[in-house]
């Protein structure tokens, strides 16, 4: 199972798990557009950041890579960085 961690410039950090990095990215994309809740817990609510800049890391990495402007495209947002 793949794992990615996303950190927003608002200091919100969300760790998502899925079957592939692209599936995890699509979960984040849905959350950014308000189409999919990240948590089913009623006491937890995560809102998309006000700014489009964010950081991500792949499992096993300590370095954060910046996505300067979230585009909603896995290849442009993740693979290019």
N, C-alpha and C. Protein backbone atom coordinates (compact mmCIF):
# COMPACT_ATOMS: atom_id res chain seq x y z
N UNK A 1 0.85 -1.17 0.00
CA UNK A 1 0.00 0.00 0.00
C UNK A 1 0.90 1.24 0.00
N UNK A 2 0.61 2.18 -0.85
CA UNK A 2 1.38 3.41 -0.97
C UNK A 2 0.94 4.42 0.08
N UNK A 3 1.84 5.37 0.36
CA UNK A 3 1.54 6.41 1.34
C UNK A 3 2.20 7.70 0.88
N UNK A 4 1.48 8.81 0.95
CA UNK A 4 2.04 10.14 0.68
C UNK A 4 1.61 11.07 1.81
N UNK A 5 2.43 12.05 2.10
CA UNK A 5 2.11 13.06 3.11
C UNK A 5 2.07 14.41 2.41
N UNK A 6 1.03 15.20 2.69
CA UNK A 6 0.88 16.53 2.11
C UNK A 6 0.93 17.56 3.22
N UNK A 7 1.66 18.66 3.02
CA UNK A 7 1.68 19.76 4.00
C UNK A 7 1.32 21.04 3.27
N UNK A 8 0.32 21.70 3.79
CA UNK A 8 -0.16 22.94 3.21
C UNK A 8 0.57 24.12 3.84
N UNK A 9 0.61 25.24 3.15
CA UNK A 9 1.27 26.41 3.70
C UNK A 9 0.54 26.94 4.93
N UNK A 10 -0.66 26.47 5.18
CA UNK A 10 -1.40 26.85 6.38
C UNK A 10 -1.04 25.95 7.56
N UNK A 11 -0.01 25.11 7.38
CA UNK A 11 0.48 24.19 8.40
C UNK A 11 -0.51 23.08 8.74
N UNK A 12 -1.36 22.73 7.82
CA UNK A 12 -2.22 21.57 7.97
C UNK A 12 -1.50 20.41 7.31
N UNK A 13 -1.40 19.29 8.00
CA UNK A 13 -0.74 18.12 7.41
C UNK A 13 -1.74 16.97 7.35
N UNK A 14 -1.82 16.32 6.21
CA UNK A 14 -2.74 15.21 5.99
C UNK A 14 -1.94 14.04 5.44
N UNK A 15 -2.00 12.89 6.10
CA UNK A 15 -1.35 11.69 5.59
C UNK A 15 -2.43 10.78 5.03
N UNK A 16 -2.29 10.42 3.77
CA UNK A 16 -3.28 9.59 3.09
C UNK A 16 -2.66 8.27 2.67
N UNK A 17 -3.45 7.22 2.68
CA UNK A 17 -2.99 5.90 2.25
C UNK A 17 -3.92 5.39 1.15
N UNK A 18 -3.34 4.68 0.21
CA UNK A 18 -4.13 4.12 -0.88
C UNK A 18 -3.33 3.06 -1.60
N UNK A 19 -3.88 2.53 -2.66
CA UNK A 19 -3.23 1.45 -3.40
C UNK A 19 -2.12 1.95 -4.32
N UNK A 20 -2.10 3.23 -4.65
CA UNK A 20 -1.06 3.81 -5.50
C UNK A 20 -0.93 5.28 -5.17
N UNK A 21 0.19 5.87 -5.59
CA UNK A 21 0.38 7.29 -5.37
C UNK A 21 -0.65 8.11 -6.14
N UNK A 22 -1.00 7.65 -7.32
CA UNK A 22 -1.99 8.40 -8.11
C UNK A 22 -3.36 8.36 -7.43
N UNK A 23 -3.73 7.21 -6.85
CA UNK A 23 -5.01 7.13 -6.13
C UNK A 23 -5.02 8.08 -4.93
N UNK A 24 -3.90 8.14 -4.21
CA UNK A 24 -3.80 9.05 -3.07
C UNK A 24 -3.92 10.50 -3.54
N UNK A 25 -3.25 10.81 -4.63
CA UNK A 25 -3.31 12.16 -5.18
C UNK A 25 -4.74 12.53 -5.56
N UNK A 26 -5.48 11.58 -6.14
CA UNK A 26 -6.87 11.85 -6.52
C UNK A 26 -7.73 12.09 -5.28
N UNK A 27 -7.43 11.40 -4.16
CA UNK A 27 -8.15 11.67 -2.90
C UNK A 27 -7.91 13.12 -2.48
N UNK A 28 -6.65 13.56 -2.57
CA UNK A 28 -6.32 14.94 -2.21
C UNK A 28 -7.03 15.91 -3.15
N UNK A 29 -7.04 15.62 -4.43
CA UNK A 29 -7.70 16.49 -5.41
C UNK A 29 -9.18 16.63 -5.08
N UNK A 30 -9.84 15.51 -4.75
CA UNK A 30 -11.26 15.55 -4.38
C UNK A 30 -11.46 16.39 -3.13
N UNK A 31 -10.56 16.26 -2.14
CA UNK A 31 -10.67 17.05 -0.92
C UNK A 31 -10.49 18.53 -1.23
N UNK A 32 -9.53 18.86 -2.12
CA UNK A 32 -9.28 20.26 -2.47
C UNK A 32 -10.50 20.90 -3.13
N UNK A 33 -11.27 20.10 -3.86
CA UNK A 33 -12.46 20.62 -4.52
C UNK A 33 -13.73 20.44 -3.67
N UNK A 34 -13.58 19.91 -2.45
CA UNK A 34 -14.71 19.74 -1.56
C UNK A 34 -15.64 18.60 -1.94
N UNK A 35 -15.16 17.70 -2.81
CA UNK A 35 -16.01 16.61 -3.28
C UNK A 35 -15.93 15.35 -2.42
N UNK A 36 -14.93 15.25 -1.55
CA UNK A 36 -14.73 14.02 -0.79
C UNK A 36 -14.18 14.36 0.59
N UNK A 37 -14.87 13.92 1.62
CA UNK A 37 -14.32 14.14 2.97
C UNK A 37 -13.14 13.20 3.21
N UNK A 38 -12.09 13.69 3.85
CA UNK A 38 -10.93 12.87 4.16
C UNK A 38 -11.23 11.95 5.35
N UNK A 39 -11.95 12.45 6.31
CA UNK A 39 -12.24 11.66 7.50
C UNK A 39 -13.74 11.49 7.68
N UNK A 40 -14.13 10.30 8.06
CA UNK A 40 -15.54 10.04 8.33
C UNK A 40 -15.90 10.41 9.77
N UNK A 41 -14.92 10.76 10.59
CA UNK A 41 -15.19 11.14 11.96
C UNK A 41 -15.95 12.45 11.99
N UNK A 42 -17.01 12.49 12.76
CA UNK A 42 -17.85 13.68 12.78
C UNK A 42 -17.17 14.88 13.44
N UNK A 43 -16.17 14.63 14.29
CA UNK A 43 -15.52 15.74 14.99
C UNK A 43 -14.28 16.25 14.27
N UNK A 44 -13.97 15.71 13.09
CA UNK A 44 -12.81 16.15 12.33
C UNK A 44 -13.28 16.74 11.01
N UNK A 45 -12.85 17.96 10.73
CA UNK A 45 -13.18 18.59 9.45
C UNK A 45 -11.91 19.21 8.91
N UNK A 46 -11.60 18.92 7.67
CA UNK A 46 -10.42 19.47 7.02
C UNK A 46 -10.89 20.30 5.84
N UNK A 47 -10.42 21.53 5.77
CA UNK A 47 -10.81 22.42 4.69
C UNK A 47 -9.61 22.63 3.77
N UNK A 48 -9.84 22.81 2.49
CA UNK A 48 -8.73 23.11 1.58
C UNK A 48 -8.05 24.41 1.99
N UNK A 49 -6.75 24.52 1.75
CA UNK A 49 -6.03 25.74 2.13
C UNK A 49 -6.45 26.92 1.27
N UNK A 50 -6.26 28.12 1.81
CA UNK A 50 -6.60 29.32 1.06
C UNK A 50 -5.59 29.60 -0.04
N UNK A 51 -4.34 29.20 0.15
CA UNK A 51 -3.30 29.39 -0.85
C UNK A 51 -3.04 28.07 -1.57
N UNK A 52 -2.63 28.14 -2.83
CA UNK A 52 -2.48 26.92 -3.61
C UNK A 52 -1.12 26.25 -3.44
N UNK A 53 -0.15 26.90 -2.79
CA UNK A 53 1.16 26.30 -2.58
C UNK A 53 1.09 25.25 -1.49
N UNK A 54 1.75 24.09 -1.74
CA UNK A 54 1.80 23.04 -0.74
C UNK A 54 3.05 22.20 -0.97
N UNK A 55 3.32 21.30 -0.04
CA UNK A 55 4.48 20.43 -0.09
C UNK A 55 4.03 18.98 0.01
N UNK A 56 4.86 18.05 -0.52
CA UNK A 56 4.56 16.63 -0.38
C UNK A 56 5.87 15.86 -0.24
N UNK A 57 5.74 14.65 0.33
CA UNK A 57 6.88 13.74 0.38
C UNK A 57 6.38 12.34 0.10
N UNK A 58 7.25 11.52 -0.44
CA UNK A 58 6.93 10.13 -0.71
C UNK A 58 7.39 9.31 0.49
N UNK A 59 6.86 8.11 0.65
CA UNK A 59 7.25 7.31 1.80
C UNK A 59 8.75 7.05 1.79
N UNK A 60 9.35 7.11 2.96
CA UNK A 60 10.78 6.90 3.09
C UNK A 60 11.62 8.15 2.85
N UNK A 61 11.02 9.22 2.37
CA UNK A 61 11.74 10.47 2.13
C UNK A 61 11.59 11.40 3.34
N UNK A 62 12.63 12.15 3.60
CA UNK A 62 12.55 13.18 4.64
C UNK A 62 12.40 14.55 4.02
N UNK A 63 12.70 14.65 2.74
CA UNK A 63 12.63 15.93 2.04
C UNK A 63 11.21 16.22 1.57
N UNK A 64 10.79 17.47 1.75
CA UNK A 64 9.50 17.91 1.23
C UNK A 64 9.71 18.58 -0.12
N UNK A 65 8.87 18.25 -1.08
CA UNK A 65 8.92 18.84 -2.42
C UNK A 65 7.76 19.82 -2.54
N UNK A 66 8.01 20.97 -3.12
CA UNK A 66 6.96 21.98 -3.22
C UNK A 66 6.14 21.81 -4.50
N UNK A 67 4.82 21.95 -4.35
CA UNK A 67 3.91 22.12 -5.49
C UNK A 67 3.56 23.60 -5.45
N UNK A 68 4.19 24.43 -6.30
CA UNK A 68 4.00 25.88 -6.18
C UNK A 68 2.56 26.34 -6.43
N UNK A 69 1.84 25.67 -7.29
CA UNK A 69 0.45 26.03 -7.56
C UNK A 69 -0.30 24.76 -7.93
N UNK A 70 -1.19 24.31 -7.06
CA UNK A 70 -1.93 23.07 -7.26
C UNK A 70 -2.74 23.14 -8.55
N UNK A 71 -2.48 22.22 -9.46
CA UNK A 71 -3.13 22.24 -10.77
C UNK A 71 -4.20 21.17 -10.93
N UNK A 72 -4.20 20.17 -10.05
CA UNK A 72 -5.16 19.07 -10.19
C UNK A 72 -4.74 18.07 -11.25
N UNK A 73 -3.45 18.01 -11.56
CA UNK A 73 -2.91 17.11 -12.58
C UNK A 73 -1.73 16.36 -11.95
N UNK A 74 -1.87 15.03 -11.76
CA UNK A 74 -0.85 14.22 -11.08
C UNK A 74 0.52 14.38 -11.73
N UNK A 75 0.58 14.33 -13.04
CA UNK A 75 1.87 14.43 -13.73
C UNK A 75 2.53 15.79 -13.49
N UNK A 76 1.75 16.87 -13.60
CA UNK A 76 2.32 18.22 -13.43
C UNK A 76 2.62 18.54 -11.98
N UNK A 77 1.75 18.10 -11.06
CA UNK A 77 1.94 18.45 -9.65
C UNK A 77 2.95 17.54 -8.93
N UNK A 78 2.97 16.25 -9.25
CA UNK A 78 3.80 15.31 -8.52
C UNK A 78 5.02 14.87 -9.34
N UNK A 79 4.81 14.30 -10.49
CA UNK A 79 5.92 13.72 -11.25
C UNK A 79 6.96 14.75 -11.67
N UNK A 80 6.55 15.96 -11.99
CA UNK A 80 7.52 17.00 -12.39
C UNK A 80 8.37 17.48 -11.22
N UNK A 81 7.95 17.18 -9.99
CA UNK A 81 8.70 17.64 -8.81
C UNK A 81 9.34 16.47 -8.09
